[in-house]
Every structure is written in structure tokens, then in C-alpha cells.
Amino acid sequence: MARSFARQVPERLREMEHAWRSRDFITLAQLAHWLKGSGGTAGFADITAPAKLLEELAKQSVADQIEPVMAQLQHLGARLAAAYGGDTPIVHRQ
């Protein structure tokens, strides 16, 4: 389960980044919800709290607080990729 989750994270983070750049808060909240639930289920508690915060911020469209949470999740995604041999999520910031 952990390896399956780790393999999905880079693509999901790319989708989240796209939603964020597009200011698609609904999609961003949905993806953060997936990350929160799946990360917790797979045993990655470090991802749960920032994903939950991102989901809440996206639901409230609090744009000025989203960037640092996205950066934290990208960092965690890179750690997962390194640990499980997956693709490192590459994000191009504006």
C-alpha cells in the first residue's frame, strides 16, 4: 500500500500545482483531501497535517497561505520519491 501511494504522489502533486496555478480551489481541495486520506491510510502521517491544512485553505480560497503549504508537500513528495524510487515531483513556480 505504501509503495502504491508513493507512486501516485508525484502525479497528484503535479495536478495540485496545476490547480493552484489556475486558482481552481475546488480541485485543489479535492486533491488535498485525497492526499490527506490516502497518506494517512498508507501510514504517512507527516503528509496528513499539511494536506488537511491545504484542503481547508483551498475550501476557503485563502490564497495567501497556500504557497508555503504547497512547498511543504512538494518537499515531502520528494522525500517519498527518494525513499520509494519514484519520480520526483518537479514544480515550476511562477
PDB file of N, CA and C in Angstrom:
ATOM      1  N   MET A   1       0.810  -1.183   0.000  1.00  0.00           N
ATOM      2  CA  MET A   1       0.000   0.000   0.000  1.00  0.00           C
ATOM      3  C   MET A   1       0.865   1.264   0.000  1.00  0.00           C
ATOM      4  N   ALA A   2       1.917   1.258   0.803  1.00  0.00           N
ATOM      5  CA  ALA A   2       2.789   2.427   0.889  1.00  0.00           C
ATOM      6  C   ALA A   2       3.457   2.716  -0.447  1.00  0.00           C
ATOM      7  N   ARG A   3       3.936   1.677  -1.094  1.00  0.00           N
ATOM      8  CA  ARG A   3       4.605   1.869  -2.391  1.00  0.00           C
ATOM      9  C   ARG A   3       3.610   2.370  -3.443  1.00  0.00           C
ATOM     10  N   SER A   4       2.420   1.855  -3.445  1.00  0.00           N
ATOM     11  CA  SER A   4       1.394   2.304  -4.391  1.00  0.00           C
ATOM     12  C   SER A   4       1.077   3.785  -4.172  1.00  0.00           C
ATOM     13  N   PHE A   5       0.923   4.173  -2.924  1.00  0.00           N
ATOM     14  CA  PHE A   5       0.673   5.577  -2.613  1.00  0.00           C
ATOM     15  C   PHE A   5       1.843   6.437  -3.079  1.00  0.00           C
ATOM     16  N   ALA A   6       3.067   6.021  -2.737  1.00  0.00           N
ATOM     17  CA  ALA A   6       4.258   6.788  -3.098  1.00  0.00           C
ATOM     18  C   ALA A   6       4.375   6.967  -4.607  1.00  0.00           C
ATOM     19  N   ARG A   7       3.947   5.986  -5.371  1.00  0.00           N
ATOM     20  CA  ARG A   7       4.000   6.089  -6.841  1.00  0.00           C
ATOM     21  C   ARG A   7       2.973   7.077  -7.386  1.00  0.00           C
ATOM     22  N   GLN A   8       1.866   7.244  -6.680  1.00  0.00           N
ATOM     23  CA  GLN A   8       0.812   8.157  -7.126  1.00  0.00           C
ATOM     24  C   GLN A   8       1.081   9.617  -6.757  1.00  0.00           C
ATOM     25  N   VAL A   9       1.875   9.824  -5.731  1.00  0.00           N
ATOM     26  CA  VAL A   9       2.076  11.170  -5.196  1.00  0.00           C
ATOM     27  C   VAL A   9       2.636  12.165  -6.210  1.00  0.00           C
ATOM     28  N   PRO A  10       3.685  11.837  -6.975  1.00  0.00           N
ATOM     29  CA  PRO A  10       4.212  12.846  -7.903  1.00  0.00           C
ATOM     30  C   PRO A  10       3.159  13.383  -8.881  1.00  0.00           C
ATOM     31  N   GLU A  11       2.362  12.490  -9.448  1.00  0.00           N
ATOM     32  CA  GLU A  11       1.331  12.946 -10.391  1.00  0.00           C
ATOM     33  C   GLU A  11       0.270  13.782  -9.680  1.00  0.00           C
ATOM     34  N   ARG A  12      -0.123  13.354  -8.514  1.00  0.00           N
ATOM     35  CA  ARG A  12      -1.126  14.122  -7.757  1.00  0.00           C
ATOM     36  C   ARG A  12      -0.587  15.499  -7.391  1.00  0.00           C
ATOM     37  N   LEU A  13       0.691  15.581  -7.019  1.00  0.00           N
ATOM     38  CA  LEU A  13       1.271  16.877  -6.696  1.00  0.00           C
ATOM     39  C   LEU A  13       1.341  17.772  -7.929  1.00  0.00           C
ATOM     40  N   ARG A  14       1.606  17.187  -9.079  1.00  0.00           N
ATOM     41  CA  ARG A  14       1.588  17.976 -10.327  1.00  0.00           C
ATOM     42  C   ARG A  14       0.180  18.493 -10.601  1.00  0.00           C
ATOM     43  N   GLU A  15      -0.820  17.647 -10.374  1.00  0.00           N
ATOM     44  CA  GLU A  15      -2.210  18.070 -10.549  1.00  0.00           C
ATOM     45  C   GLU A  15      -2.567  19.178  -9.557  1.00  0.00           C
ATOM     46  N   MET A  16      -2.083  19.058  -8.343  1.00  0.00           N
ATOM     47  CA  MET A  16      -2.337  20.082  -7.332  1.00  0.00           C
ATOM     48  C   MET A  16      -1.682  21.401  -7.733  1.00  0.00           C
ATOM     49  N   GLU A  17      -0.472  21.323  -8.220  1.00  0.00           N
ATOM     50  CA  GLU A  17       0.231  22.532  -8.657  1.00  0.00           C
ATOM     51  C   GLU A  17      -0.511  23.201  -9.808  1.00  0.00           C
ATOM     52  N   HIS A  18      -1.001  22.405 -10.735  1.00  0.00           N
ATOM     53  CA  HIS A  18      -1.775  22.957 -11.853  1.00  0.00           C
ATOM     54  C   HIS A  18      -3.055  23.626 -11.340  1.00  0.00           C
ATOM     55  N   ALA A  19      -3.741  22.965 -10.432  1.00  0.00           N
ATOM     56  CA  ALA A  19      -4.967  23.546  -9.859  1.00  0.00           C
ATOM     57  C   ALA A  19      -4.640  24.848  -9.135  1.00  0.00           C
ATOM     58  N   TRP A  20      -3.542  24.879  -8.412  1.00  0.00           N
ATOM     59  CA  TRP A  20      -3.145  26.071  -7.681  1.00  0.00           C
ATOM     60  C   TRP A  20      -2.825  27.215  -8.647  1.00  0.00           C
ATOM     61  N   ARG A  21      -2.033  26.933  -9.683  1.00  0.00           N
ATOM     62  CA  ARG A  21      -1.694  27.974 -10.667  1.00  0.00           C
ATOM     63  C   ARG A  21      -2.944  28.507 -11.350  1.00  0.00           C
ATOM     64  N   SER A  22      -3.932  27.637 -11.550  1.00  0.00           N
ATOM     65  CA  SER A  22      -5.188  28.032 -12.200  1.00  0.00           C
ATOM     66  C   SER A  22      -6.182  28.643 -11.209  1.00  0.00           C
ATOM     67  N   ARG A  23      -5.814  28.646  -9.949  1.00  0.00           N
ATOM     68  CA  ARG A  23      -6.696  29.121  -8.873  1.00  0.00           C
ATOM     69  C   ARG A  23      -8.021  28.352  -8.872  1.00  0.00           C
ATOM     70  N   ASP A  24      -7.894  27.047  -9.153  1.00  0.00           N
ATOM     71  CA  ASP A  24      -9.032  26.135  -9.112  1.00  0.00           C
ATOM     72  C   ASP A  24      -9.088  25.540  -7.713  1.00  0.00           C
ATOM     73  N   PHE A  25      -9.669  26.296  -6.796  1.00  0.00           N
ATOM     74  CA  PHE A  25      -9.674  25.918  -5.397  1.00  0.00           C
ATOM     75  C   PHE A  25     -10.494  24.656  -5.130  1.00  0.00           C
ATOM     76  N   ILE A  26     -11.510  24.416  -5.920  1.00  0.00           N
ATOM     77  CA  ILE A  26     -12.334  23.213  -5.739  1.00  0.00           C
ATOM     78  C   ILE A  26     -11.503  21.954  -6.014  1.00  0.00           C
ATOM     79  N   THR A  27     -10.828  21.940  -7.151  1.00  0.00           N
ATOM     80  CA  THR A  27      -9.982  20.789  -7.491  1.00  0.00           C
ATOM     81  C   THR A  27      -8.843  20.651  -6.505  1.00  0.00           C
ATOM     82  N   LEU A  28      -8.251  21.763  -6.124  1.00  0.00           N
ATOM     83  CA  LEU A  28      -7.157  21.725  -5.159  1.00  0.00           C
ATOM     84  C   LEU A  28      -7.623  21.116  -3.840  1.00  0.00           C
ATOM     85  N   ALA A  29      -8.790  21.499  -3.376  1.00  0.00           N
ATOM     86  CA  ALA A  29      -9.335  20.931  -2.134  1.00  0.00           C
ATOM     87  C   ALA A  29      -9.586  19.434  -2.284  1.00  0.00           C
ATOM     88  N   GLN A  30     -10.105  19.020  -3.427  1.00  0.00           N
ATOM     89  CA  GLN A  30     -10.370  17.597  -3.655  1.00  0.00           C
ATOM     90  C   GLN A  30      -9.072  16.786  -3.662  1.00  0.00           C
ATOM     91  N   LEU A  31      -8.061  17.302  -4.317  1.00  0.00           N
ATOM     92  CA  LEU A  31      -6.776  16.606  -4.370  1.00  0.00           C
ATOM     93  C   LEU A  31      -6.111  16.571  -2.996  1.00  0.00           C
ATOM     94  N   ALA A  32      -6.215  17.654  -2.257  1.00  0.00           N
ATOM     95  CA  ALA A  32      -5.654  17.684  -0.901  1.00  0.00           C
ATOM     96  C   ALA A  32      -6.383  16.683  -0.008  1.00  0.00           C
ATOM     97  N   HIS A  33      -7.680  16.571  -0.200  1.00  0.00           N
ATOM     98  CA  HIS A  33      -8.468  15.592   0.556  1.00  0.00           C
ATOM     99  C   HIS A  33      -7.986  14.178   0.256  1.00  0.00           C
ATOM    100  N   TRP A  34      -7.750  13.884  -1.019  1.00  0.00           N
ATOM    101  CA  TRP A  34      -7.214  12.570  -1.404  1.00  0.00           C
ATOM    102  C   TRP A  34      -5.866  12.334  -0.735  1.00  0.00           C
ATOM    103  N   LEU A  35      -4.997  13.339  -0.801  1.00  0.00           N
ATOM    104  CA  LEU A  35      -3.660  13.201  -0.237  1.00  0.00           C
ATOM    105  C   LEU A  35      -3.728  12.967   1.267  1.00  0.00           C
ATOM    106  N   LYS A  36      -4.597  13.700   1.937  1.00  0.00           N
ATOM    107  CA  LYS A  36      -4.773  13.552   3.390  1.00  0.00           C
ATOM    108  C   LYS A  36      -5.225  12.134   3.732  1.00  0.00           C
ATOM    109  N   GLY A  37      -6.262  11.671   3.080  1.00  0.00           N
ATOM    110  CA  GLY A  37      -6.814  10.349   3.378  1.00  0.00           C
ATOM    111  C   GLY A  37      -5.908   9.209   2.971  1.00  0.00           C
ATOM    112  N   SER A  38      -5.414   9.266   1.768  1.00  0.00           N
ATOM    113  CA  SER A  38      -4.553   8.185   1.272  1.00  0.00           C
ATOM    114  C   SER A  38      -3.225   8.144   2.003  1.00  0.00           C
ATOM    115  N   GLY A  39      -2.674   9.314   2.297  1.00  0.00           N
ATOM    116  CA  GLY A  39      -1.416   9.367   3.041  1.00  0.00           C
ATOM    117  C   GLY A  39      -1.566   8.771   4.424  1.00  0.00           C
ATOM    118  N   GLY A  40      -2.650   9.110   5.081  1.00  0.00           N
ATOM    119  CA  GLY A  40      -2.906   8.554   6.411  1.00  0.00           C
ATOM    120  C   GLY A  40      -3.111   7.054   6.367  1.00  0.00           C
ATOM    121  N   THR A  41      -3.883   6.597   5.391  1.00  0.00           N
ATOM    122  CA  THR A  41      -4.145   5.170   5.244  1.00  0.00           C
ATOM    123  C   THR A  41      -2.862   4.394   4.955  1.00  0.00           C
ATOM    124  N   ALA A  42      -1.979   4.986   4.154  1.00  0.00           N
ATOM    125  CA  ALA A  42      -0.728   4.316   3.796  1.00  0.00           C
ATOM    126  C   ALA A  42       0.336   4.437   4.879  1.00  0.00           C
ATOM    127  N   GLY A  43       0.029   5.180   5.945  1.00  0.00           N
ATOM    128  CA  GLY A  43       0.960   5.278   7.053  1.00  0.00           C
ATOM    129  C   GLY A  43       1.917   6.456   6.997  1.00  0.00           C
ATOM    130  N   PHE A  44       1.591   7.444   6.181  1.00  0.00           N
ATOM    131  CA  PHE A  44       2.456   8.616   6.063  1.00  0.00           C
ATOM    132  C   PHE A  44       1.839   9.789   6.821  1.00  0.00           C
ATOM    133  N   ALA A  45       1.974   9.739   8.129  1.00  0.00           N
ATOM    134  CA  ALA A  45       1.364  10.748   8.991  1.00  0.00           C
ATOM    135  C   ALA A  45       1.923  12.142   8.740  1.00  0.00           C
ATOM    136  N   ASP A  46       3.171  12.245   8.280  1.00  0.00           N
ATOM    137  CA  ASP A  46       3.759  13.559   8.012  1.00  0.00           C
ATOM    138  C   ASP A  46       3.000  14.326   6.934  1.00  0.00           C
ATOM    139  N   ILE A  47       2.321  13.614   6.066  1.00  0.00           N
ATOM    140  CA  ILE A  47       1.588  14.255   4.975  1.00  0.00           C
ATOM    141  C   ILE A  47       0.193  14.680   5.415  1.00  0.00           C
ATOM    142  N   THR A  48      -0.354  14.010   6.382  1.00  0.00           N
ATOM    143  CA  THR A  48      -1.745  14.236   6.775  1.00  0.00           C
ATOM    144  C   THR A  48      -2.019  15.669   7.207  1.00  0.00           C
ATOM    145  N   ALA A  49      -1.226  16.206   8.110  1.00  0.00           N
ATOM    146  CA  ALA A  49      -1.487  17.554   8.636  1.00  0.00           C
ATOM    147  C   ALA A  49      -1.389  18.641   7.565  1.00  0.00           C
ATOM    148  N   PRO A  50      -0.298  18.685   6.759  1.00  0.00           N
ATOM    149  CA  PRO A  50      -0.266  19.733   5.739  1.00  0.00           C
ATOM    150  C   PRO A  50      -1.331  19.544   4.656  1.00  0.00           C
ATOM    151  N   ALA A  51      -1.671  18.304   4.340  1.00  0.00           N
ATOM    152  CA  ALA A  51      -2.730  18.076   3.347  1.00  0.00           C
ATOM    153  C   ALA A  51      -4.080  18.540   3.891  1.00  0.00           C
ATOM    154  N   LYS A  52      -4.323  18.299   5.167  1.00  0.00           N
ATOM    155  CA  LYS A  52      -5.563  18.769   5.794  1.00  0.00           C
ATOM    156  C   LYS A  52      -5.622  20.289   5.790  1.00  0.00           C
ATOM    157  N   LEU A  53      -4.509  20.925   6.135  1.00  0.00           N
ATOM    158  CA  LEU A  53      -4.461  22.387   6.120  1.00  0.00           C
ATOM    159  C   LEU A  53      -4.702  22.916   4.717  1.00  0.00           C
ATOM    160  N   LEU A  54      -4.070  22.307   3.725  1.00  0.00           N
ATOM    161  CA  LEU A  54      -4.264  22.742   2.345  1.00  0.00           C
ATOM    162  C   LEU A  54      -5.718  22.587   1.924  1.00  0.00           C
ATOM    163  N   GLU A  55      -6.328  21.482   2.293  1.00  0.00           N
ATOM    164  CA  GLU A  55      -7.737  21.281   1.963  1.00  0.00           C
ATOM    165  C   GLU A  55      -8.590  22.408   2.557  1.00  0.00           C
ATOM    166  N   GLU A  56      -8.355  22.736   3.815  1.00  0.00           N
ATOM    167  CA  GLU A  56      -9.127  23.792   4.468  1.00  0.00           C
ATOM    168  C   GLU A  56      -8.885  25.149   3.818  1.00  0.00           C
ATOM    169  N   LEU A  57      -7.622  25.459   3.524  1.00  0.00           N
ATOM    170  CA  LEU A  57      -7.296  26.735   2.886  1.00  0.00           C
ATOM    171  C   LEU A  57      -7.934  26.842   1.506  1.00  0.00           C
ATOM    172  N   ALA A  58      -7.885  25.749   0.751  1.00  0.00           N
ATOM    173  CA  ALA A  58      -8.469  25.752  -0.592  1.00  0.00           C
ATOM    174  C   ALA A  58      -9.984  25.911  -0.520  1.00  0.00           C
ATOM    175  N   LYS A  59     -10.628  25.243   0.429  1.00  0.00           N
ATOM    176  CA  LYS A  59     -12.080  25.371   0.570  1.00  0.00           C
ATOM    177  C   LYS A  59     -12.485  26.801   0.903  1.00  0.00           C
ATOM    178  N   GLN A  60     -11.610  27.508   1.615  1.00  0.00           N
ATOM    179  CA  GLN A  60     -11.900  28.885   2.000  1.00  0.00           C
ATOM    180  C   GLN A  60     -11.289  29.896   1.029  1.00  0.00           C
ATOM    181  N   SER A  61     -10.602  29.404  -0.010  1.00  0.00           N
ATOM    182  CA  SER A  61      -9.927  30.247  -1.003  1.00  0.00           C
ATOM    183  C   SER A  61      -8.971  31.247  -0.359  1.00  0.00           C
ATOM    184  N   VAL A  62      -8.192  30.763   0.609  1.00  0.00           N
ATOM    185  CA  VAL A  62      -7.218  31.607   1.301  1.00  0.00           C
ATOM    186  C   VAL A  62      -5.889  31.526   0.542  1.00  0.00           C
ATOM    187  N   ALA A  63      -5.824  32.227  -0.569  1.00  0.00           N
ATOM    188  CA  ALA A  63      -4.698  32.110  -1.497  1.00  0.00           C
ATOM    189  C   ALA A  63      -3.361  32.509  -0.884  1.00  0.00           C
ATOM    190  N   ASP A  64      -3.333  33.499  -0.008  1.00  0.00           N
ATOM    191  CA  ASP A  64      -2.057  33.987   0.507  1.00  0.00           C
ATOM    192  C   ASP A  64      -1.371  33.021   1.464  1.00  0.00           C
ATOM    193  N   GLN A  65      -2.025  31.959   1.885  1.00  0.00           N
ATOM    194  CA  GLN A  65      -1.416  30.987   2.796  1.00  0.00           C
ATOM    195  C   GLN A  65      -1.148  29.632   2.141  1.00  0.00           C
ATOM    196  N   ILE A  66      -1.528  29.478   0.901  1.00  0.00           N
ATOM    197  CA  ILE A  66      -1.407  28.178   0.237  1.00  0.00           C
ATOM    198  C   ILE A  66       0.021  27.868  -0.212  1.00  0.00           C
ATOM    199  N   GLU A  67       0.739  28.849  -0.696  1.00  0.00           N
ATOM    200  CA  GLU A  67       2.071  28.621  -1.264  1.00  0.00           C
ATOM    201  C   GLU A  67       3.016  27.880  -0.315  1.00  0.00           C
ATOM    202  N   PRO A  68       3.147  28.289   0.964  1.00  0.00           N
ATOM    203  CA  PRO A  68       4.072  27.544   1.834  1.00  0.00           C
ATOM    204  C   PRO A  68       3.632  26.113   2.104  1.00  0.00           C
ATOM    205  N   VAL A  69       2.344  25.875   2.140  1.00  0.00           N
ATOM    206  CA  VAL A  69       1.850  24.509   2.361  1.00  0.00           C
ATOM    207  C   VAL A  69       2.144  23.653   1.130  1.00  0.00           C
ATOM    208  N   MET A  70       1.957  24.231  -0.043  1.00  0.00           N
ATOM    209  CA  MET A  70       2.289  23.506  -1.279  1.00  0.00           C
ATOM    210  C   MET A  70       3.780  23.162  -1.295  1.00  0.00           C
ATOM    211  N   ALA A  71       4.616  24.108  -0.896  1.00  0.00           N
ATOM    212  CA  ALA A  71       6.065  23.863  -0.867  1.00  0.00           C
ATOM    213  C   ALA A  71       6.398  22.734   0.109  1.00  0.00           C
ATOM    214  N   GLN A  72       5.749  22.716   1.255  1.00  0.00           N
ATOM    215  CA  GLN A  72       5.976  21.650   2.234  1.00  0.00           C
ATOM    216  C   GLN A  72       5.582  20.291   1.659  1.00  0.00           C
ATOM    217  N   LEU A  73       4.443  20.247   0.978  1.00  0.00           N
ATOM    218  CA  LEU A  73       4.001  18.984   0.377  1.00  0.00           C
ATOM    219  C   LEU A  73       4.929  18.547  -0.755  1.00  0.00           C
ATOM    220  N   GLN A  74       5.447  19.490  -1.522  1.00  0.00           N
ATOM    221  CA  GLN A  74       6.409  19.147  -2.577  1.00  0.00           C
ATOM    222  C   GLN A  74       7.666  18.539  -1.955  1.00  0.00           C
ATOM    223  N   HIS A  75       8.112  19.114  -0.850  1.00  0.00           N
ATOM    224  CA  HIS A  75       9.288  18.590  -0.158  1.00  0.00           C
ATOM    225  C   HIS A  75       9.033  17.157   0.334  1.00  0.00           C
ATOM    226  N   LEU A  76       7.871  16.950   0.945  1.00  0.00           N
ATOM    227  CA  LEU A  76       7.521  15.606   1.415  1.00  0.00           C
ATOM    228  C   LEU A  76       7.394  14.634   0.247  1.00  0.00           C
ATOM    229  N   GLY A  77       6.847  15.101  -0.872  1.00  0.00           N
ATOM    230  CA  GLY A  77       6.741  14.263  -2.064  1.00  0.00           C
ATOM    231  C   GLY A  77       8.104  13.848  -2.587  1.00  0.00           C
ATOM    232  N   ALA A  78       9.051  14.773  -2.545  1.00  0.00           N
ATOM    233  CA  ALA A  78      10.412  14.459  -2.988  1.00  0.00           C
ATOM    234  C   ALA A  78      11.051  13.423  -2.070  1.00  0.00           C
ATOM    235  N   ARG A  79      10.793  13.537  -0.771  1.00  0.00           N
ATOM    236  CA  ARG A  79      11.316  12.546   0.176  1.00  0.00           C
ATOM    237  C   ARG A  79      10.718  11.161  -0.087  1.00  0.00           C
ATOM    238  N   LEU A  80       9.423  11.132  -0.368  1.00  0.00           N
ATOM    239  CA  LEU A  80       8.776   9.856  -0.689  1.00  0.00           C
ATOM    240  C   LEU A  80       9.371   9.247  -1.951  1.00  0.00           C
ATOM    241  N   ALA A  81       9.553  10.081  -2.959  1.00  0.00           N
ATOM    242  CA  ALA A  81      10.113   9.591  -4.220  1.00  0.00           C
ATOM    243  C   ALA A  81      11.510   9.018  -3.999  1.00  0.00           C
ATOM    244  N   ALA A  82      12.294   9.692  -3.191  1.00  0.00           N
ATOM    245  CA  ALA A  82      13.647   9.205  -2.915  1.00  0.00           C
ATOM    246  C   ALA A  82      13.602   7.877  -2.162  1.00  0.00           C
ATOM    247  N   ALA A  83      12.687   7.770  -1.226  1.00  0.00           N
ATOM    248  CA  ALA A  83      12.603   6.559  -0.409  1.00  0.00           C
ATOM    249  C   ALA A  83      12.050   5.363  -1.177  1.00  0.00           C
ATOM    250  N   TYR A  84      11.142   5.635  -2.112  1.00  0.00           N
ATOM    251  CA  TYR A  84      10.465   4.543  -2.811  1.00  0.00           C
ATOM    252  C   TYR A  84      10.837   4.441  -4.284  1.00  0.00           C
ATOM    253  N   GLY A  85      11.833   5.201  -4.707  1.00  0.00           N
ATOM    254  CA  GLY A  85      12.327   5.088  -6.069  1.00  0.00           C
ATOM    255  C   GLY A  85      11.379   5.577  -7.136  1.00  0.00           C
ATOM    256  N   GLY A  86      10.500   6.506  -6.798  1.00  0.00           N
ATOM    257  CA  GLY A  86       9.559   7.041  -7.773  1.00  0.00           C
ATOM    258  C   GLY A  86      10.063   8.313  -8.417  1.00  0.00           C
ATOM    259  N   ASP A  87       9.220   8.909  -9.228  1.00  0.00           N
ATOM    260  CA  ASP A  87       9.543  10.179  -9.866  1.00  0.00           C
ATOM    261  C   ASP A  87       9.502  11.294  -8.836  1.00  0.00           C
ATOM    262  N   THR A  88      10.477  12.176  -8.926  1.00  0.00           N
ATOM    263  CA  THR A  88      10.456  13.350  -8.068  1.00  0.00           C
ATOM    264  C   THR A  88       9.521  14.369  -8.693  1.00  0.00           C
ATOM    265  N   PRO A  89       8.578  14.867  -7.917  1.00  0.00           N
ATOM    266  CA  PRO A  89       7.677  15.879  -8.473  1.00  0.00           C
ATOM    267  C   PRO A  89       8.460  17.147  -8.770  1.00  0.00           C
ATOM    268  N   ILE A  90       8.395  17.578  -9.998  1.00  0.00           N
ATOM    269  CA  ILE A  90       9.094  18.798 -10.408  1.00  0.00           C
ATOM    270  C   ILE A  90       8.045  19.867 -10.611  1.00  0.00           C
ATOM    271  N   VAL A  91       8.235  20.953  -9.918  1.00  0.00           N
ATOM    272  CA  VAL A  91       7.259  22.034  -9.969  1.00  0.00           C
ATOM    273  C   VAL A  91       7.959  23.282 -10.422  1.00  0.00           C
ATOM    274  N   HIS A  92       7.351  23.984 -11.331  1.00  0.00           N
ATOM    275  CA  HIS A  92       7.859  25.253 -11.807  1.00  0.00           C
ATOM    276  C   HIS A  92       7.036  26.348 -11.180  1.00  0.00           C
ATOM    277  N   ARG A  93       7.630  27.080 -10.265  1.00  0.00           N
ATOM    278  CA  ARG A  93       6.915  28.148  -9.571  1.00  0.00           C
ATOM    279  C   ARG A  93       6.818  29.372 -10.477  1.00  0.00           C
ATOM    280  N   GLN A  94       5.756  30.127 -10.241  1.00  0.00           N
ATOM    281  CA  GLN A  94       5.547  31.356 -11.021  1.00  0.00           C
ATOM    282  C   GLN A  94       6.464  32.446 -10.520  1.00  0.00           C
TER     283      GLN A  94
END
